[in-house]
Amino acid sequence: MKATLRCLLYNPSNEDLDLISDMMNHFCKAKHFAYKRLEENRFTEGFKIHELSKIVSENYGLNSRQSKDAVEQARQTMISQVQ
């Protein structure tokens, strides 16, 4: 089970805003990378999604939850495009 908390930053400093922007940038790039790898390997039998999350984690410096979320969002986007 995963829990997500919503937060509100009161008077964030420029440093905080830069940090959040950087984190969002890494996540979006990771999601795009995962989508492209899923698209390339759609019909490959030996392709494993859990290996993709490890590659995403290594390439973009994300923790395992973030990389799995990026891969899952990319997969859901691909599914929505097919239907």
C-alpha atoms as a PDB file:
ATOM      1  CA  MET A   1       0.000   0.000   0.000  1.00  0.00           C
ATOM      2  CA  LYS A   2       1.280   3.440  -0.769  1.00  0.00           C
ATOM      3  CA  ALA A   3       0.204   6.642   0.876  1.00  0.00           C
ATOM      4  CA  THR A   4       0.396  10.044  -0.731  1.00  0.00           C
ATOM      5  CA  LEU A   5       0.200  13.255   1.237  1.00  0.00           C
ATOM      6  CA  ARG A   6      -0.802  16.575  -0.224  1.00  0.00           C
ATOM      7  CA  CYS A   7       1.042  19.542   1.166  1.00  0.00           C
ATOM      8  CA  LEU A   8       0.907  23.284   0.879  1.00  0.00           C
ATOM      9  CA  LEU A   9       4.085  25.321   1.147  1.00  0.00           C
ATOM     10  CA  TYR A  10       3.617  28.691   2.801  1.00  0.00           C
ATOM     11  CA  ASN A  11       6.149  31.273   1.664  1.00  0.00           C
ATOM     12  CA  PRO A  12       8.476  28.878  -0.138  1.00  0.00           C
ATOM     13  CA  SER A  13      11.925  30.227  -0.816  1.00  0.00           C
ATOM     14  CA  ASN A  14      13.372  30.354  -4.293  1.00  0.00           C
ATOM     15  CA  GLU A  15      15.612  27.456  -3.315  1.00  0.00           C
ATOM     16  CA  ASP A  16      12.562  25.338  -2.397  1.00  0.00           C
ATOM     17  CA  LEU A  17      10.816  26.204  -5.659  1.00  0.00           C
ATOM     18  CA  ASP A  18      13.943  25.303  -7.622  1.00  0.00           C
ATOM     19  CA  LEU A  19      14.194  21.971  -5.802  1.00  0.00           C
ATOM     20  CA  ILE A  20      10.555  21.093  -6.535  1.00  0.00           C
ATOM     21  CA  SER A  21      10.910  22.161 -10.153  1.00  0.00           C
ATOM     22  CA  ASP A  22      14.041  20.027 -10.509  1.00  0.00           C
ATOM     23  CA  MET A  23      12.299  16.986  -8.996  1.00  0.00           C
ATOM     24  CA  MET A  24       9.323  17.408 -11.340  1.00  0.00           C
ATOM     25  CA  ASN A  25      11.669  17.791 -14.298  1.00  0.00           C
ATOM     26  CA  HIS A  26      13.473  14.522 -13.453  1.00  0.00           C
ATOM     27  CA  PHE A  27      10.172  12.676 -13.014  1.00  0.00           C
ATOM     28  CA  CYS A  28       8.748  13.943 -16.327  1.00  0.00           C
ATOM     29  CA  LYS A  29      11.922  12.990 -18.181  1.00  0.00           C
ATOM     30  CA  ALA A  30      11.855   9.551 -16.556  1.00  0.00           C
ATOM     31  CA  LYS A  31       8.220   9.067 -17.564  1.00  0.00           C
ATOM     32  CA  HIS A  32       9.003  10.058 -21.151  1.00  0.00           C
ATOM     33  CA  PHE A  33      11.983   7.681 -21.219  1.00  0.00           C
ATOM     34  CA  ALA A  34       9.826   4.835 -19.869  1.00  0.00           C
ATOM     35  CA  TYR A  35       7.094   5.537 -22.425  1.00  0.00           C
ATOM     36  CA  LYS A  36       9.578   5.396 -25.291  1.00  0.00           C
ATOM     37  CA  ARG A  37      11.114   2.134 -24.007  1.00  0.00           C
ATOM     38  CA  LEU A  38       7.649   0.610 -23.616  1.00  0.00           C
ATOM     39  CA  GLU A  39       6.755   1.737 -27.121  1.00  0.00           C
ATOM     40  CA  GLU A  40       9.946   0.260 -28.586  1.00  0.00           C
ATOM     41  CA  ASN A  41       9.546  -3.077 -26.793  1.00  0.00           C
ATOM     42  CA  ARG A  42       5.790  -3.471 -27.034  1.00  0.00           C
ATOM     43  CA  PHE A  43       6.016  -6.750 -28.948  1.00  0.00           C
ATOM     44  CA  THR A  44       9.257  -8.112 -27.450  1.00  0.00           C
ATOM     45  CA  GLU A  45       8.720 -11.243 -25.392  1.00  0.00           C
ATOM     46  CA  GLY A  46      11.804 -10.939 -23.165  1.00  0.00           C
ATOM     47  CA  PHE A  47      11.025  -7.393 -22.045  1.00  0.00           C
ATOM     48  CA  LYS A  48      10.344  -7.004 -18.317  1.00  0.00           C
ATOM     49  CA  ILE A  49       8.799  -3.883 -16.792  1.00  0.00           C
ATOM     50  CA  HIS A  50      10.569  -4.314 -13.423  1.00  0.00           C
ATOM     51  CA  GLU A  51      13.903  -4.121 -15.256  1.00  0.00           C
ATOM     52  CA  LEU A  52      12.755  -0.877 -16.860  1.00  0.00           C
ATOM     53  CA  SER A  53      12.048   0.661 -13.450  1.00  0.00           C
ATOM     54  CA  LYS A  54      15.611  -0.211 -12.367  1.00  0.00           C
ATOM     55  CA  ILE A  55      17.029   1.448 -15.492  1.00  0.00           C
ATOM     56  CA  VAL A  56      14.873   4.544 -14.926  1.00  0.00           C
ATOM     57  CA  SER A  57      15.991   4.711 -11.311  1.00  0.00           C
ATOM     58  CA  GLU A  58      19.658   4.540 -12.268  1.00  0.00           C
ATOM     59  CA  ASN A  59      19.446   6.993 -15.171  1.00  0.00           C
ATOM     60  CA  TYR A  60      17.420   9.699 -13.437  1.00  0.00           C
ATOM     61  CA  GLY A  61      18.438   9.356  -9.793  1.00  0.00           C
ATOM     62  CA  LEU A  62      14.953   8.467  -8.582  1.00  0.00           C
ATOM     63  CA  ASN A  63      14.119   6.144  -5.726  1.00  0.00           C
ATOM     64  CA  SER A  64      12.333   2.871  -6.462  1.00  0.00           C
ATOM     65  CA  ARG A  65       8.847   4.223  -5.741  1.00  0.00           C
ATOM     66  CA  GLN A  66       9.310   7.218  -8.021  1.00  0.00           C
ATOM     67  CA  SER A  67      10.727   5.094 -10.830  1.00  0.00           C
ATOM     68  CA  LYS A  68       7.904   2.548 -10.541  1.00  0.00           C
ATOM     69  CA  ASP A  69       5.360   5.384 -10.583  1.00  0.00           C
ATOM     70  CA  ALA A  70       6.974   6.865 -13.706  1.00  0.00           C
ATOM     71  CA  VAL A  71       6.869   3.500 -15.474  1.00  0.00           C
ATOM     72  CA  GLU A  72       3.271   2.888 -14.384  1.00  0.00           C
ATOM     73  CA  GLN A  73       2.128   6.320 -15.579  1.00  0.00           C
ATOM     74  CA  ALA A  74       3.856   5.718 -18.909  1.00  0.00           C
ATOM     75  CA  ARG A  75       2.174   2.313 -19.178  1.00  0.00           C
ATOM     76  CA  GLN A  76      -1.238   3.791 -18.394  1.00  0.00           C
ATOM     77  CA  THR A  77      -0.699   6.487 -21.015  1.00  0.00           C
ATOM     78  CA  MET A  78       0.150   3.830 -23.574  1.00  0.00           C
ATOM     79  CA  ILE A  79      -2.950   1.809 -22.675  1.00  0.00           C
ATOM     80  CA  SER A  80      -5.172   4.868 -22.992  1.00  0.00           C
ATOM     81  CA  GLN A  81      -3.790   5.561 -26.475  1.00  0.00           C
ATOM     82  CA  VAL A  82      -4.546   2.031 -27.703  1.00  0.00           C
ATOM     83  CA  GLN A  83      -8.179   1.967 -26.605  1.00  0.00           C
END
